[in-house]
Amino acid sequence: MVENTHVLVVDDEEVVREGCRRVLGKGYEIFTAENGKQALDILAEKSVDIMLLDLKMPVMGGKEVLEKTRESYPDIPVIVITGHGTVDTAVECMKQGAYDFITKPFQIDQFRITVERAADKRRLELKAKQFEAENIRNLYDLNLEKSRLRTIINRMANGVMVTNRNLEVVLHNPALMRLMEISEKPKSPVPIRDIIKDKDLVDTLKKLLSGETPDEESISQEIQLQKNTLRALSAPTVDPDRAIAGTVTVLEDITAFKQLDQMKSDFVNMVAHELRSPLVAIRQINSVLLEGLAGPLEEKQQGFVERGMNKIDSLLSLINDLLDIAKLEAGKFVQHQVPTDIGNIIEDIVALMEPRAQKRGIILTHFLKDLKPVQADPKKIEEIFNNLISNAINYSPEGGQVTVSARGLGEYMEIRVEDTGVGITQEELPKIFDKFYRVKHPKTRQVVGTGLGLAIVKGVVDAHQGSIHVESVPDAGTTFKVLLPVIDTRG
């Protein structure tokens, strides 16, 4: 809704005052005063946009009113009303700050044009003041937010680094300088290589600036300094038009965590080694007893020894998994890679698993198509599919189906292990490759395991420069898809 323009008509002649009211009409709200003193009183009480001011009035003349108005209300345009004989006086008034003048008797068109022009001027000035006030307020809010942001960033224990599109550091905090072991505060902006010496991190920031990764995606990587290890989490920054404007990186000192993780791995490795030898010895003793080499056993005694053997085998399986995990983390698990026929491995494992599947009432099938050799460690590849197929059988109900397929897919071999089992919920899918994590389901409580199998599978696949993905629908089934690079035979 557009507000009316408030006009104060100051003239000692009533016919002039009413004439102004009739001529202006719609869009204007008219206040009237018979003399200058009344005009000043109205100005003190009401909001006035334009003043039409007669020069010759009793009590207080127009020139005096103009002087006081310009002093107290400098933003109100004053249009002087004058007769033909006082034009020179009106011009003098304009020199003193009046906006314009009109002569009596009025020419209606000229009168309206003059008032409308003054109204436009008043509206523009008010709008400009409003914008100026908003701008000042926005600048204040912006400076306040910048101050808060600077305080927060400077107080952070993690290093923060922001770059522009030219890979110049435009914002950093003291923690970054401390982590980078830089004593002197650099000027801003500063080239990235004056602060970051790690080539991989610089390449990551270039990749983010190139737009190769989605805006919402961040990249995590580790940086090794002389004594410390840092984790860098980098992401692109975008402007209001969604164009990439730079990057932001948060760096965290994870040296203590790496040392603690290494101590844990060393401890687990040591304990596993120390436990394995006596367990193997105990198993051999039990094996001697079961074979009757120490004398015949009664049926009840033989049952106890067999149950003991099963428990020992479970412990040895756990120890072997722990040792495999330790080797994977040390990068020593997959070492001897040769051209490998995936088809032969799958056929051997399926043949080995067939009796077990039949015993559980599960149909186990396999399909091979366009197979190509891969550079791999055959024993470790066998362990991958042994684990995946065994899991598929364990987690499928009686009457279910497990399908293993392998096919050439360009530069990769795709191997799928599909089942019609209990499935995995969407909440659990991201966790299934975590160490010691086991899917919780009331139908699979009888399935024993350490929760290390899939962690080992993923480690082996990664060591072969492959990838593993899983898709699942609860109570419908799960599909594991493994991609392994084939041997390039073009050369």
Protein backbone atom coordinates (compact mmCIF):
# COMPACT_ATOMS: atom_id res chain seq x y z
CA MET A 1 0.00 0.00 0.00
CA VAL A 2 1.45 3.40 -1.11
CA GLU A 3 1.31 6.08 1.59
CA ASN A 4 -0.07 9.56 0.83
CA THR A 5 2.33 12.48 0.48
CA HIS A 6 1.82 14.91 3.37
CA VAL A 7 1.70 18.53 2.18
CA LEU A 8 1.58 21.56 4.49
CA VAL A 9 0.01 24.61 2.80
CA VAL A 10 0.92 27.84 4.63
CA ASP A 11 -1.04 30.85 3.32
CA ASP A 12 -3.19 33.53 4.95
CA GLU A 13 -5.77 33.28 2.18
CA GLU A 14 -8.29 30.50 2.70
CA VAL A 15 -9.12 30.36 -1.01
CA VAL A 16 -5.48 29.49 -1.74
CA ARG A 17 -5.38 26.82 0.94
CA GLU A 18 -8.56 25.15 -0.28
CA GLY A 19 -7.52 25.54 -3.90
CA CYS A 20 -4.34 23.63 -3.19
CA ARG A 21 -6.37 20.87 -1.49
CA ARG A 22 -8.74 20.56 -4.48
CA VAL A 23 -5.99 20.61 -7.11
CA LEU A 24 -3.76 18.03 -5.44
CA GLY A 25 -6.60 15.66 -4.56
CA LYS A 26 -5.95 11.89 -4.42
CA GLY A 27 -2.55 10.76 -3.22
CA TYR A 28 -1.98 13.77 -1.04
CA GLU A 29 -2.91 14.51 2.56
CA ILE A 30 -3.17 18.27 3.12
CA PHE A 31 -2.42 20.20 6.33
CA THR A 32 -3.10 23.96 6.34
CA ALA A 33 -1.83 26.91 8.36
CA GLU A 34 -2.89 30.60 8.24
CA ASN A 35 0.50 31.95 9.30
CA GLY A 36 4.08 30.97 9.98
CA LYS A 37 3.61 30.31 13.69
CA GLN A 38 0.84 27.76 13.04
CA ALA A 39 3.06 26.16 10.38
CA LEU A 40 5.92 25.65 12.86
CA ASP A 41 3.51 24.13 15.39
CA ILE A 42 2.23 21.66 12.79
CA LEU A 43 5.79 20.77 11.77
CA ALA A 44 6.56 19.96 15.40
CA GLU A 45 3.59 17.58 15.67
CA LYS A 46 3.15 15.97 12.27
CA SER A 47 5.22 14.29 9.58
CA VAL A 48 5.38 16.62 6.59
CA ASP A 49 6.87 15.79 3.19
CA ILE A 50 6.39 19.10 1.31
CA MET A 51 5.68 22.69 2.40
CA LEU A 52 3.90 25.25 0.20
CA LEU A 53 4.87 28.59 1.79
CA ASP A 54 3.42 32.06 1.12
CA LEU A 55 5.91 34.87 1.65
CA LYS A 56 3.53 37.63 2.82
CA MET A 57 1.64 36.57 5.97
CA PRO A 58 0.72 38.14 9.31
CA VAL A 59 2.33 37.10 12.64
CA MET A 60 5.37 35.48 10.96
CA GLY A 61 6.39 35.97 7.33
CA GLY A 62 7.47 33.31 4.90
CA LYS A 63 11.18 34.21 4.88
CA GLU A 64 11.42 33.71 8.63
CA VAL A 65 9.50 30.43 8.43
CA LEU A 66 11.85 29.27 5.64
CA GLU A 67 14.87 30.10 7.77
CA LYS A 68 13.55 28.16 10.79
CA THR A 69 12.40 25.25 8.60
CA ARG A 70 15.79 24.93 6.89
CA GLU A 71 17.40 24.95 10.32
CA SER A 72 15.13 22.36 12.01
CA TYR A 73 13.76 20.37 9.04
CA PRO A 74 16.38 20.59 6.28
CA ASP A 75 15.02 17.57 4.36
CA ILE A 76 11.55 19.03 3.70
CA PRO A 77 11.30 20.60 0.20
CA VAL A 78 9.85 24.13 0.52
CA ILE A 79 7.96 25.54 -2.48
CA VAL A 80 7.53 29.30 -2.18
CA ILE A 81 4.14 30.79 -3.15
CA THR A 82 4.62 34.31 -4.49
CA GLY A 83 2.87 36.98 -6.52
CA HIS A 84 4.35 38.43 -9.71
CA GLY A 85 5.68 41.40 -7.80
CA THR A 86 7.82 39.36 -5.46
CA VAL A 87 9.58 37.01 -7.91
CA ASP A 88 12.94 38.48 -7.00
CA THR A 89 12.21 37.72 -3.35
CA ALA A 90 11.28 34.12 -4.27
CA VAL A 91 14.58 33.73 -6.14
CA GLU A 92 16.38 35.01 -3.07
CA CYS A 93 14.49 32.42 -1.01
CA MET A 94 15.71 29.66 -3.34
CA LYS A 95 19.26 30.80 -2.72
CA GLN A 96 18.52 30.35 0.98
CA GLY A 97 17.37 26.74 0.46
CA ALA A 98 13.85 26.79 -1.00
CA TYR A 99 13.22 23.99 -3.49
CA ASP A 100 11.19 25.97 -6.09
CA PHE A 101 8.58 28.70 -6.37
CA ILE A 102 5.18 29.13 -8.03
CA THR A 103 3.36 32.35 -8.76
CA LYS A 104 -0.20 33.41 -8.10
CA PRO A 105 -2.61 32.91 -9.72
CA PHE A 106 -1.62 29.24 -10.19
CA GLN A 107 -1.49 27.51 -13.53
CA ILE A 108 -2.91 24.15 -12.45
CA ASP A 109 -0.71 21.95 -14.65
CA GLN A 110 2.46 23.79 -13.71
CA PHE A 111 1.42 23.73 -10.04
CA ARG A 112 0.90 19.94 -10.05
CA ILE A 113 4.16 19.32 -11.92
CA THR A 114 6.11 21.38 -9.39
CA VAL A 115 4.53 19.61 -6.40
CA GLU A 116 4.93 16.14 -7.95
CA ARG A 117 8.58 16.84 -8.69
CA ALA A 118 9.10 17.86 -5.08
CA ALA A 119 7.23 14.73 -3.92
CA ASP A 120 9.48 12.55 -6.10
CA LYS A 121 12.54 14.26 -4.65
CA ARG A 122 11.26 13.66 -1.13
CA ARG A 123 10.50 9.99 -1.83
CA LEU A 124 13.92 9.41 -3.38
CA GLU A 125 15.65 11.10 -0.46
CA LEU A 126 13.67 9.02 2.04
CA LYS A 127 14.46 5.84 0.09
CA ALA A 128 18.13 6.79 -0.09
CA LYS A 129 18.19 7.37 3.66
CA GLN A 130 16.49 4.03 4.21
CA PHE A 131 19.08 2.29 2.04
CA GLU A 132 21.86 4.13 3.80
CA ALA A 133 20.50 3.10 7.21
CA GLU A 134 20.14 -0.52 6.05
CA ASN A 135 23.62 -0.45 4.58
CA ILE A 136 25.07 0.89 7.81
CA ARG A 137 23.17 -1.73 9.78
CA ASN A 138 24.30 -4.49 7.41
CA LEU A 139 27.89 -3.30 7.59
CA TYR A 140 27.65 -3.27 11.37
CA ASP A 141 26.17 -6.77 11.40
CA LEU A 142 28.79 -7.95 8.90
CA ASN A 143 31.63 -6.48 10.94
CA LEU A 144 30.13 -8.01 14.06
CA GLU A 145 29.87 -11.44 12.41
CA LYS A 146 33.38 -11.11 10.99
CA SER A 147 34.65 -10.24 14.44
CA ARG A 148 32.85 -13.21 15.97
CA LEU A 149 34.09 -15.52 13.20
CA ARG A 150 37.66 -14.25 13.61
CA THR A 151 37.46 -14.78 17.37
CA ILE A 152 36.08 -18.32 16.95
CA ILE A 153 38.68 -19.27 14.32
CA ASN A 154 41.55 -17.82 16.33
CA ARG A 155 40.45 -19.74 19.42
CA MET A 156 40.20 -23.07 17.61
CA ALA A 157 42.73 -25.76 18.45
CA ASN A 158 42.55 -27.03 14.86
CA GLY A 159 44.24 -25.17 12.06
CA VAL A 160 41.98 -23.31 9.60
CA MET A 161 43.07 -22.19 6.14
CA VAL A 162 40.96 -20.48 3.46
CA THR A 163 42.26 -19.91 -0.06
CA ASN A 164 40.97 -17.97 -3.05
CA ARG A 165 40.80 -19.27 -6.64
CA ASN A 166 44.48 -18.39 -7.17
CA LEU A 167 45.45 -20.75 -4.32
CA GLU A 168 46.46 -17.84 -2.13
CA VAL A 169 45.79 -18.15 1.60
CA VAL A 170 43.44 -15.30 2.52
CA LEU A 171 42.49 -16.46 6.02
CA HIS A 172 44.30 -18.53 8.62
CA ASN A 173 44.50 -18.85 12.38
CA PRO A 174 47.37 -19.14 14.88
CA ALA A 175 46.77 -22.89 15.24
CA LEU A 176 47.61 -23.38 11.54
CA MET A 177 50.91 -21.55 11.96
CA ARG A 178 51.70 -23.65 15.02
CA LEU A 179 50.90 -26.93 13.26
CA MET A 180 52.94 -25.92 10.22
CA GLU A 181 55.77 -24.84 12.54
CA ILE A 182 55.85 -21.33 11.09
CA SER A 183 56.98 -18.67 13.57
CA GLU A 184 56.48 -15.46 11.55
CA LYS A 185 52.99 -14.32 10.66
CA PRO A 186 52.71 -14.18 6.85
CA LYS A 187 51.07 -11.36 4.98
CA SER A 188 47.64 -11.89 3.46
CA PRO A 189 47.19 -13.12 0.80
CA VAL A 190 50.15 -15.49 0.71
CA PRO A 191 50.88 -18.24 -1.89
CA ILE A 192 49.79 -21.68 -0.66
CA ARG A 193 53.29 -23.17 -1.01
CA ASP A 194 54.67 -20.68 1.51
CA ILE A 195 52.57 -22.44 4.15
CA ILE A 196 51.77 -25.95 2.86
CA LYS A 197 54.74 -28.02 1.68
CA ASP A 198 52.78 -31.26 1.20
CA LYS A 199 52.33 -31.82 -2.56
CA ASP A 200 49.35 -34.17 -2.17
CA LEU A 201 47.35 -31.57 -0.21
CA VAL A 202 48.14 -28.85 -2.75
CA ASP A 203 47.03 -31.20 -5.56
CA THR A 204 43.81 -31.89 -3.64
CA LEU A 205 43.06 -28.16 -3.38
CA LYS A 206 43.70 -27.77 -7.13
CA LYS A 207 41.27 -30.63 -7.75
CA LEU A 208 38.61 -28.93 -5.62
CA LEU A 209 39.09 -25.64 -7.50
CA SER A 210 38.76 -27.41 -10.86
CA GLY A 211 35.22 -28.51 -9.97
CA GLU A 212 35.97 -32.24 -10.35
CA THR A 213 34.26 -32.96 -7.01
CA PRO A 214 30.70 -32.01 -5.95
CA ASP A 215 30.29 -28.77 -3.96
CA GLU A 216 29.05 -30.62 -0.88
CA GLU A 217 31.87 -33.20 -0.93
CA SER A 218 34.94 -32.92 1.29
CA ILE A 219 38.27 -34.76 0.99
CA SER A 220 40.12 -36.18 3.98
CA GLN A 221 43.80 -37.04 3.88
CA GLU A 222 46.80 -37.35 6.15
CA ILE A 223 49.90 -35.11 6.08
CA GLN A 224 53.17 -36.31 7.52
CA LEU A 225 55.44 -33.61 8.91
CA GLN A 226 58.83 -34.22 10.52
CA LYS A 227 57.43 -35.52 13.80
CA ASN A 228 53.68 -35.05 13.61
CA THR A 229 50.84 -36.46 11.57
CA LEU A 230 47.96 -34.15 10.57
CA ARG A 231 44.53 -34.94 9.16
CA ALA A 232 43.40 -32.40 6.56
CA LEU A 233 39.71 -32.06 5.69
CA SER A 234 39.27 -29.88 2.59
CA ALA A 235 36.18 -28.65 0.77
CA PRO A 236 35.38 -26.05 -1.93
CA THR A 237 33.74 -22.72 -1.10
CA VAL A 238 31.10 -21.31 -3.46
CA ASP A 239 29.79 -17.81 -4.11
CA PRO A 240 26.06 -16.90 -4.27
CA ASP A 241 26.01 -17.94 -7.95
CA ARG A 242 27.28 -21.44 -6.98
CA ALA A 243 30.63 -20.81 -8.67
CA ILE A 244 33.71 -22.11 -6.87
CA ALA A 245 35.36 -19.20 -5.07
CA GLY A 246 38.13 -21.02 -3.20
CA THR A 247 38.76 -23.74 -0.65
CA VAL A 248 38.64 -24.20 3.11
CA THR A 249 40.80 -26.71 4.97
CA VAL A 250 40.72 -27.76 8.61
CA LEU A 251 43.86 -29.47 9.94
CA GLU A 252 43.93 -31.59 13.09
CA ASP A 253 46.97 -32.99 14.86
CA ILE A 254 46.36 -36.76 15.10
CA THR A 255 49.88 -37.73 16.14
CA ALA A 256 48.75 -38.94 19.57
CA PHE A 257 45.92 -40.98 18.02
CA LYS A 258 48.28 -42.57 15.50
CA GLN A 259 50.71 -43.47 18.25
CA LEU A 260 47.88 -44.89 20.37
CA ASP A 261 46.58 -46.87 17.38
CA GLN A 262 50.06 -48.22 16.71
CA MET A 263 50.45 -49.22 20.36
CA LYS A 264 47.09 -50.99 20.17
CA SER A 265 48.05 -52.79 16.98
CA ASP A 266 51.42 -53.80 18.44
CA PHE A 267 49.72 -55.05 21.59
CA VAL A 268 47.10 -57.06 19.67
CA ASN A 269 49.79 -58.44 17.40
CA MET A 270 51.96 -59.44 20.35
CA VAL A 271 49.07 -61.01 22.27
CA ALA A 272 47.90 -62.89 19.16
CA HIS A 273 51.36 -64.30 18.56
CA GLU A 274 51.77 -65.24 22.23
CA LEU A 275 48.36 -66.97 22.31
CA ARG A 276 48.70 -68.79 19.02
CA SER A 277 51.64 -71.00 19.98
CA PRO A 278 50.13 -72.48 23.18
CA LEU A 279 46.74 -72.92 21.48
CA VAL A 280 48.32 -74.80 18.62
CA ALA A 281 50.11 -76.99 21.17
CA ILE A 282 46.87 -77.65 23.07
CA ARG A 283 45.11 -78.50 19.79
CA GLN A 284 47.82 -80.98 18.89
CA ILE A 285 47.48 -82.65 22.31
CA ASN A 286 43.69 -82.89 21.89
CA SER A 287 44.21 -84.28 18.39
CA VAL A 288 46.46 -86.98 19.84
CA LEU A 289 43.75 -87.83 22.37
CA LEU A 290 41.02 -87.98 19.69
CA GLU A 291 43.11 -90.28 17.51
CA GLY A 292 43.52 -92.68 20.46
CA LEU A 293 47.30 -92.42 20.47
CA ALA A 294 47.22 -91.93 24.28
CA GLY A 295 44.76 -94.72 24.81
CA PRO A 296 41.09 -95.28 24.01
CA LEU A 297 38.48 -92.66 25.07
CA GLU A 298 34.98 -93.34 26.20
CA GLU A 299 32.18 -91.74 24.19
CA LYS A 300 31.55 -89.06 26.81
CA GLN A 301 35.25 -88.22 27.09
CA GLN A 302 35.56 -88.02 23.31
CA GLY A 303 32.61 -85.59 23.19
CA PHE A 304 34.28 -83.27 25.69
CA VAL A 305 37.55 -83.30 23.77
CA GLU A 306 35.76 -82.58 20.46
CA ARG A 307 33.94 -79.60 21.98
CA GLY A 308 37.27 -78.38 23.31
CA MET A 309 38.76 -78.69 19.84
CA ASN A 310 35.91 -76.62 18.37
CA LYS A 311 36.53 -73.84 20.90
CA ILE A 312 40.26 -73.93 20.18
CA ASP A 313 39.54 -73.69 16.44
CA SER A 314 37.31 -70.64 17.08
CA LEU A 315 40.07 -68.97 19.09
CA LEU A 316 42.66 -69.77 16.43
CA SER A 317 40.34 -68.31 13.80
CA LEU A 318 40.03 -65.10 15.84
CA ILE A 319 43.80 -64.94 16.34
CA ASN A 320 44.42 -65.47 12.63
CA ASP A 321 41.94 -62.68 11.82
CA LEU A 322 43.69 -60.35 14.28
CA LEU A 323 47.06 -61.14 12.73
CA ASP A 324 45.61 -60.56 9.24
CA ILE A 325 44.25 -57.18 10.33
CA ALA A 326 47.66 -56.23 11.77
CA LYS A 327 49.35 -57.20 8.50
CA LEU A 328 46.79 -55.24 6.47
CA GLU A 329 47.33 -52.11 8.54
CA ALA A 330 51.09 -52.54 8.12
CA GLY A 331 50.69 -53.00 4.35
CA LYS A 332 52.26 -56.46 4.46
CA PHE A 333 49.22 -58.70 3.96
CA VAL A 334 49.16 -58.73 0.16
CA GLN A 335 52.68 -59.11 -1.20
CA HIS A 336 52.97 -61.80 -3.89
CA GLN A 337 50.74 -60.86 -6.83
CA VAL A 338 50.69 -62.94 -10.02
CA PRO A 339 48.33 -63.27 -13.00
CA THR A 340 45.31 -64.98 -11.50
CA ASP A 341 42.28 -66.72 -13.01
CA ILE A 342 39.31 -65.58 -10.93
CA GLY A 343 37.06 -68.17 -12.56
CA ASN A 344 39.07 -71.11 -11.24
CA ILE A 345 39.06 -69.68 -7.72
CA ILE A 346 35.28 -69.16 -7.78
CA GLU A 347 34.63 -72.66 -9.12
CA ASP A 348 36.84 -74.22 -6.41
CA ILE A 349 35.15 -72.29 -3.60
CA VAL A 350 31.64 -73.03 -4.92
CA ALA A 351 32.51 -76.75 -5.10
CA LEU A 352 33.85 -76.57 -1.54
CA MET A 353 30.76 -74.73 -0.26
CA GLU A 354 28.20 -76.85 -2.15
CA PRO A 355 27.78 -79.57 0.55
CA ARG A 356 27.38 -76.93 3.24
CA ALA A 357 24.74 -75.09 1.19
CA GLN A 358 22.84 -78.30 0.48
CA LYS A 359 22.87 -79.20 4.16
CA ARG A 360 21.19 -75.86 4.91
CA GLY A 361 18.69 -76.24 2.04
CA ILE A 362 20.20 -73.38 0.02
CA ILE A 363 20.66 -73.33 -3.76
CA LEU A 364 24.23 -72.24 -4.63
CA THR A 365 24.87 -71.35 -8.30
CA HIS A 366 27.56 -69.51 -10.25
CA PHE A 367 27.93 -67.88 -13.68
CA LEU A 368 31.15 -66.84 -15.46
CA LYS A 369 31.37 -64.64 -18.57
CA ASP A 370 34.15 -62.86 -20.50
CA LEU A 371 36.74 -63.56 -17.82
CA LYS A 372 40.14 -61.89 -17.92
CA PRO A 373 43.17 -62.46 -15.65
CA VAL A 374 43.90 -60.07 -12.79
CA GLN A 375 47.20 -59.33 -11.06
CA ALA A 376 46.50 -60.66 -7.57
CA ASP A 377 47.52 -62.77 -4.62
CA PRO A 378 45.53 -65.99 -5.25
CA LYS A 379 45.37 -66.99 -1.59
CA LYS A 380 44.05 -63.59 -0.53
CA ILE A 381 41.53 -63.48 -3.39
CA GLU A 382 40.38 -66.93 -2.33
CA GLU A 383 39.95 -65.59 1.20
CA ILE A 384 37.77 -62.73 -0.11
CA PHE A 385 35.27 -64.96 -1.88
CA ASN A 386 35.39 -67.66 0.75
CA ASN A 387 34.30 -65.04 3.28
CA LEU A 388 31.60 -63.46 1.09
CA ILE A 389 30.06 -66.77 -0.04
CA SER A 390 30.22 -68.21 3.48
CA ASN A 391 28.43 -65.13 4.83
CA ALA A 392 25.78 -65.37 2.10
CA ILE A 393 25.04 -68.97 3.10
CA ASN A 394 25.07 -68.21 6.84
CA TYR A 395 22.64 -65.31 6.51
CA SER A 396 20.20 -66.98 4.11
CA PRO A 397 17.19 -68.92 5.37
CA GLU A 398 16.41 -72.50 4.36
CA GLY A 399 15.16 -72.56 0.77
CA GLY A 400 17.15 -69.43 -0.06
CA GLN A 401 19.46 -68.88 -3.01
CA VAL A 402 23.06 -67.68 -3.30
CA THR A 403 24.36 -66.66 -6.72
CA VAL A 404 28.01 -65.96 -7.54
CA SER A 405 28.79 -64.33 -10.89
CA ALA A 406 31.90 -62.94 -12.55
CA ARG A 407 32.20 -61.05 -15.83
CA GLY A 408 34.60 -58.81 -17.68
CA LEU A 409 33.63 -55.14 -17.47
CA GLY A 410 36.08 -53.09 -19.52
CA GLU A 411 39.20 -52.53 -17.47
CA TYR A 412 37.71 -54.38 -14.49
CA MET A 413 36.41 -57.77 -13.47
CA GLU A 414 33.07 -57.53 -11.68
CA ILE A 415 32.30 -60.27 -9.17
CA ARG A 416 28.90 -60.36 -7.49
CA VAL A 417 27.80 -62.43 -4.52
CA GLU A 418 24.00 -62.22 -4.17
CA ASP A 419 21.78 -63.84 -1.57
CA THR A 420 18.10 -63.88 -0.62
CA GLY A 421 18.83 -63.60 3.09
CA VAL A 422 17.83 -61.35 5.96
CA GLY A 423 19.38 -58.25 4.43
CA ILE A 424 20.98 -55.22 6.08
CA THR A 425 19.26 -51.99 7.13
CA GLN A 426 20.31 -48.67 5.58
CA GLU A 427 21.56 -47.50 8.99
CA GLU A 428 23.95 -50.44 9.28
CA LEU A 429 25.29 -50.47 5.71
CA PRO A 430 28.00 -47.81 6.31
CA LYS A 431 29.34 -49.78 9.32
CA ILE A 432 29.62 -53.33 7.98
CA PHE A 433 33.27 -52.93 6.94
CA ASP A 434 34.27 -51.62 10.38
CA LYS A 435 36.39 -53.92 12.52
CA PHE A 436 34.44 -56.02 15.05
CA TYR A 437 31.07 -54.78 13.73
CA ARG A 438 28.39 -57.45 13.25
CA VAL A 439 24.93 -56.97 11.77
CA LYS A 440 22.28 -57.43 14.43
CA HIS A 441 19.26 -59.52 13.41
CA PRO A 442 17.11 -61.88 15.50
CA LYS A 443 17.26 -64.57 12.78
CA THR A 444 21.06 -64.72 12.77
CA ARG A 445 21.91 -64.90 16.45
CA GLN A 446 23.17 -68.46 15.97
CA VAL A 447 25.78 -67.28 13.43
CA VAL A 448 29.15 -67.00 15.16
CA GLY A 449 31.93 -64.69 14.05
CA THR A 450 34.45 -62.07 15.09
CA GLY A 451 33.23 -59.13 13.03
CA LEU A 452 36.63 -58.97 11.29
CA GLY A 453 35.82 -60.87 8.08
CA LEU A 454 34.43 -57.97 6.04
CA ALA A 455 37.13 -55.61 7.35
CA ILE A 456 39.72 -58.05 6.02
CA VAL A 457 37.82 -58.40 2.72
CA LYS A 458 37.80 -54.64 2.19
CA GLY A 459 41.48 -54.38 3.13
CA VAL A 460 42.43 -57.05 0.60
CA VAL A 461 40.31 -55.47 -2.14
CA ASP A 462 41.84 -52.05 -1.46
CA ALA A 463 45.33 -53.56 -1.54
CA HIS A 464 44.54 -54.81 -5.06
CA GLN A 465 43.45 -51.29 -6.16
CA GLY A 466 39.89 -52.55 -6.40
CA SER A 467 36.62 -51.52 -4.80
CA ILE A 468 33.77 -53.22 -2.97
CA HIS A 469 30.17 -52.01 -2.69
CA VAL A 470 27.12 -53.45 -1.03
CA GLU A 471 23.41 -53.11 -1.74
CA SER A 472 20.78 -54.60 0.53
CA VAL A 473 17.05 -54.70 1.22
CA PRO A 474 15.96 -55.93 4.65
CA ASP A 475 14.28 -59.36 4.50
CA ALA A 476 14.94 -59.54 0.75
CA GLY A 477 18.67 -60.05 0.33
CA THR A 478 22.13 -58.54 -0.07
CA THR A 479 24.51 -58.08 -3.01
CA PHE A 480 28.26 -57.55 -2.65
CA LYS A 481 29.94 -56.23 -5.79
CA VAL A 482 33.73 -56.43 -6.10
CA LEU A 483 35.64 -54.67 -8.90
CA LEU A 484 39.24 -55.75 -9.58
CA PRO A 485 41.45 -54.24 -12.31
CA VAL A 486 42.35 -56.68 -15.09
CA ILE A 487 45.82 -57.08 -16.56
CA ASP A 488 46.40 -54.72 -19.51
CA THR A 489 47.32 -57.00 -22.41
CA ARG A 490 47.29 -54.32 -25.12
CA GLY A 491 51.05 -53.81 -24.92
